[in-house]
Amino acid sequence: QVQLVESGGGLVQPGGSLTLSCTASGSIFSSVSVGWYRQALGKERELVARITEYGFANYAESVKGRFTISRDNAKNTVFLQMNSLNPEDTAVYYCNSYPPAMRYWGKGTLVTVSS
C-alpha cells in the first residue's frame, strides 16, 4: 500500500521561504498527478498546486508566482517551494494524488508564518 509522508514544515517569518517534501513509499506515485493541499484552522482543505506525471503544473491564484511545485520521479518525491510567505499561508500542508484519494491522506506538515 502506498503511503505519503510530508515533511519540511516549520515556523517562518513573513517574507520567508520553506520547501516541503512529499515522499511516497511506492513507485506508482511517479505515474499519477500529485497535488499539494492545505487546511488552515477553521477552513476547508484547498488545493494549492498540482503537477502532472509529465511535469506540467497549475497553481491556486493565491500562491501563483510565489510557490513552485516540482517532482523527482526517480525518488518518488514531490516538492513545494514556498517563497514570500505571509500569515495567510499558515496551515497544515498535505500531499495526495490529484484528484485526491482518501487512502493517501497523511498527517501533513504544519507551516506557521508569524513574526
C-alpha atoms as a PDB file:
ATOM      1  CA  GLN A   1       0.000   0.000   0.000  1.00  0.00           C
ATOM      2  CA  VAL A   2       1.322   3.407  -0.975  1.00  0.00           C
ATOM      3  CA  GLN A   3       1.894   5.850   1.858  1.00  0.00           C
ATOM      4  CA  LEU A   4       2.705   9.537   1.515  1.00  0.00           C
ATOM      5  CA  VAL A   5       4.852  11.332   4.068  1.00  0.00           C
ATOM      6  CA  GLU A   6       5.077  15.109   4.154  1.00  0.00           C
ATOM      7  CA  SER A   7       7.990  16.979   5.723  1.00  0.00           C
ATOM      8  CA  GLY A   8       9.690  20.355   5.784  1.00  0.00           C
ATOM      9  CA  GLY A   9       7.170  22.452   7.648  1.00  0.00           C
ATOM     10  CA  GLY A  10       8.032  24.812  10.446  1.00  0.00           C
ATOM     11  CA  LEU A  11       7.882  28.344  11.745  1.00  0.00           C
ATOM     12  CA  VAL A  12       8.958  31.074   9.361  1.00  0.00           C
ATOM     13  CA  GLN A  13       8.743  34.840   9.411  1.00  0.00           C
ATOM     14  CA  PRO A  14       6.630  36.740   6.890  1.00  0.00           C
ATOM     15  CA  GLY A  15       8.531  37.057   3.656  1.00  0.00           C
ATOM     16  CA  GLY A  16      10.480  33.893   4.326  1.00  0.00           C
ATOM     17  CA  SER A  17      10.741  30.644   2.421  1.00  0.00           C
ATOM     18  CA  LEU A  18      10.261  26.940   3.032  1.00  0.00           C
ATOM     19  CA  THR A  19      10.475  23.835   0.913  1.00  0.00           C
ATOM     20  CA  LEU A  20       8.123  20.969   1.604  1.00  0.00           C
ATOM     21  CA  SER A  21       8.739  17.390   0.523  1.00  0.00           C
ATOM     22  CA  CYS A  22       6.314  14.568  -0.067  1.00  0.00           C
ATOM     23  CA  THR A  23       7.754  11.096  -0.419  1.00  0.00           C
ATOM     24  CA  ALA A  24       5.776   8.063  -1.479  1.00  0.00           C
ATOM     25  CA  SER A  25       6.554   4.558  -0.392  1.00  0.00           C
ATOM     26  CA  GLY A  26       5.564   3.050  -3.714  1.00  0.00           C
ATOM     27  CA  SER A  27       6.635   3.601  -7.313  1.00  0.00           C
ATOM     28  CA  ILE A  28       3.090   4.145  -8.568  1.00  0.00           C
ATOM     29  CA  PHE A  29       3.451   7.721  -7.415  1.00  0.00           C
ATOM     30  CA  SER A  30       5.504   8.569 -10.490  1.00  0.00           C
ATOM     31  CA  SER A  31       2.662   7.755 -12.876  1.00  0.00           C
ATOM     32  CA  VAL A  32      -0.051   9.972 -11.417  1.00  0.00           C
ATOM     33  CA  SER A  33      -0.722  13.660 -10.953  1.00  0.00           C
ATOM     34  CA  VAL A  34       0.088  14.878  -7.458  1.00  0.00           C
ATOM     35  CA  GLY A  35      -1.258  17.815  -5.559  1.00  0.00           C
ATOM     36  CA  TRP A  36      -0.279  19.842  -2.535  1.00  0.00           C
ATOM     37  CA  TYR A  37      -3.251  20.790  -0.408  1.00  0.00           C
ATOM     38  CA  ARG A  38      -3.564  22.856   2.743  1.00  0.00           C
ATOM     39  CA  GLN A  39      -6.025  23.309   5.530  1.00  0.00           C
ATOM     40  CA  ALA A  40      -5.983  26.350   7.753  1.00  0.00           C
ATOM     41  CA  LEU A  41      -7.623  26.325  11.149  1.00  0.00           C
ATOM     42  CA  GLY A  42     -11.371  26.552  10.754  1.00  0.00           C
ATOM     43  CA  LYS A  43     -11.264  26.356   6.982  1.00  0.00           C
ATOM     44  CA  GLU A  44     -11.791  23.680   4.394  1.00  0.00           C
ATOM     45  CA  ARG A  45      -8.911  21.903   2.762  1.00  0.00           C
ATOM     46  CA  GLU A  46      -7.916  23.504  -0.517  1.00  0.00           C
ATOM     47  CA  LEU A  47      -5.724  22.625  -3.451  1.00  0.00           C
ATOM     48  CA  VAL A  48      -2.587  24.761  -3.587  1.00  0.00           C
ATOM     49  CA  ALA A  49      -0.722  23.310  -6.550  1.00  0.00           C
ATOM     50  CA  ARG A  50      -0.683  20.232  -8.697  1.00  0.00           C
ATOM     51  CA  ILE A  51       1.715  18.643 -11.125  1.00  0.00           C
ATOM     52  CA  THR A  52       1.087  16.012 -13.760  1.00  0.00           C
ATOM     53  CA  GLU A  53       3.241  12.946 -14.265  1.00  0.00           C
ATOM     54  CA  TYR A  54       4.817  14.836 -17.158  1.00  0.00           C
ATOM     55  CA  GLY A  55       5.725  17.842 -15.045  1.00  0.00           C
ATOM     56  CA  PHE A  56       3.008  20.316 -16.017  1.00  0.00           C
ATOM     57  CA  ALA A  57       1.995  22.450 -13.053  1.00  0.00           C
ATOM     58  CA  ASN A  58      -1.010  24.526 -12.020  1.00  0.00           C
ATOM     59  CA  TYR A  59      -1.420  26.806  -9.027  1.00  0.00           C
ATOM     60  CA  ALA A  60      -4.136  28.393  -6.955  1.00  0.00           C
ATOM     61  CA  GLU A  61      -4.394  32.115  -7.598  1.00  0.00           C
ATOM     62  CA  SER A  62      -3.426  32.858  -4.019  1.00  0.00           C
ATOM     63  CA  VAL A  63       0.022  31.273  -4.428  1.00  0.00           C
ATOM     64  CA  LYS A  64       0.760  31.837  -8.090  1.00  0.00           C
ATOM     65  CA  GLY A  65       4.168  33.431  -8.542  1.00  0.00           C
ATOM     66  CA  ARG A  66       5.231  32.533  -5.001  1.00  0.00           C
ATOM     67  CA  PHE A  67       5.042  28.716  -4.880  1.00  0.00           C
ATOM     68  CA  THR A  68       6.667  26.220  -7.196  1.00  0.00           C
ATOM     69  CA  ILE A  69       5.784  22.554  -7.349  1.00  0.00           C
ATOM     70  CA  SER A  70       8.225  20.045  -8.780  1.00  0.00           C
ATOM     71  CA  ARG A  71       8.821  16.333  -8.726  1.00  0.00           C
ATOM     72  CA  ASP A  72      11.619  13.797  -8.824  1.00  0.00           C
ATOM     73  CA  ASN A  73      10.035  10.602 -10.094  1.00  0.00           C
ATOM     74  CA  ALA A  74      13.208   8.598  -9.542  1.00  0.00           C
ATOM     75  CA  LYS A  75      12.933   9.398  -5.837  1.00  0.00           C
ATOM     76  CA  ASN A  76       9.122   9.242  -5.675  1.00  0.00           C
ATOM     77  CA  THR A  77       9.172  12.741  -4.226  1.00  0.00           C
ATOM     78  CA  VAL A  78       7.221  15.902  -4.906  1.00  0.00           C
ATOM     79  CA  PHE A  79       8.379  19.277  -3.630  1.00  0.00           C
ATOM     80  CA  LEU A  80       6.694  22.568  -2.884  1.00  0.00           C
ATOM     81  CA  GLN A  81       8.999  25.551  -2.825  1.00  0.00           C
ATOM     82  CA  MET A  82       7.257  28.400  -1.000  1.00  0.00           C
ATOM     83  CA  ASN A  83       8.568  31.943  -1.176  1.00  0.00           C
ATOM     84  CA  SER A  84       7.281  35.282   0.091  1.00  0.00           C
ATOM     85  CA  LEU A  85       5.242  33.547   2.742  1.00  0.00           C
ATOM     86  CA  ASN A  86       2.594  35.515   4.575  1.00  0.00           C
ATOM     87  CA  PRO A  87       0.443  34.723   7.619  1.00  0.00           C
ATOM     88  CA  GLU A  88      -2.427  33.639   5.356  1.00  0.00           C
ATOM     89  CA  ASP A  89      -0.255  30.714   4.245  1.00  0.00           C
ATOM     90  CA  THR A  90      -0.333  29.265   7.760  1.00  0.00           C
ATOM     91  CA  ALA A  91      -1.880  25.802   7.514  1.00  0.00           C
ATOM     92  CA  VAL A  92      -1.250  22.103   7.602  1.00  0.00           C
ATOM     93  CA  TYR A  93       0.037  21.088   4.182  1.00  0.00           C
ATOM     94  CA  TYR A  94      -0.737  17.696   2.686  1.00  0.00           C
ATOM     95  CA  CYS A  95       0.143  15.929  -0.483  1.00  0.00           C
ATOM     96  CA  ASN A  96      -2.093  13.489  -2.290  1.00  0.00           C
ATOM     97  CA  SER A  97      -2.851  12.335  -5.746  1.00  0.00           C
ATOM     98  CA  TYR A  98      -4.856  14.646  -7.968  1.00  0.00           C
ATOM     99  CA  PRO A  99      -7.726  14.217  -7.697  1.00  0.00           C
ATOM    100  CA  PRO A 100      -7.190  13.171  -4.091  1.00  0.00           C
ATOM    101  CA  ALA A 101      -7.815   9.670  -2.820  1.00  0.00           C
ATOM    102  CA  MET A 102      -8.953   9.074   0.742  1.00  0.00           C
ATOM    103  CA  ARG A 103      -6.455   6.292   1.290  1.00  0.00           C
ATOM    104  CA  TYR A 104      -3.495   8.597   0.592  1.00  0.00           C
ATOM    105  CA  TRP A 105      -4.136  11.347   3.145  1.00  0.00           C
ATOM    106  CA  GLY A 106      -1.231  11.516   5.568  1.00  0.00           C
ATOM    107  CA  LYS A 107      -0.585  13.553   8.695  1.00  0.00           C
ATOM    108  CA  GLY A 108       0.591  16.611   6.821  1.00  0.00           C
ATOM    109  CA  THR A 109       3.226  19.103   7.840  1.00  0.00           C
ATOM    110  CA  LEU A 110       2.466  22.325   9.687  1.00  0.00           C
ATOM    111  CA  VAL A 111       3.594  25.642   8.260  1.00  0.00           C
ATOM    112  CA  THR A 112       3.321  28.634  10.539  1.00  0.00           C
ATOM    113  CA  VAL A 113       4.080  32.093   9.211  1.00  0.00           C
ATOM    114  CA  SER A 114       4.455  34.535  12.050  1.00  0.00           C
ATOM    115  CA  SER A 115       6.752  37.223  13.340  1.00  0.00           C
END
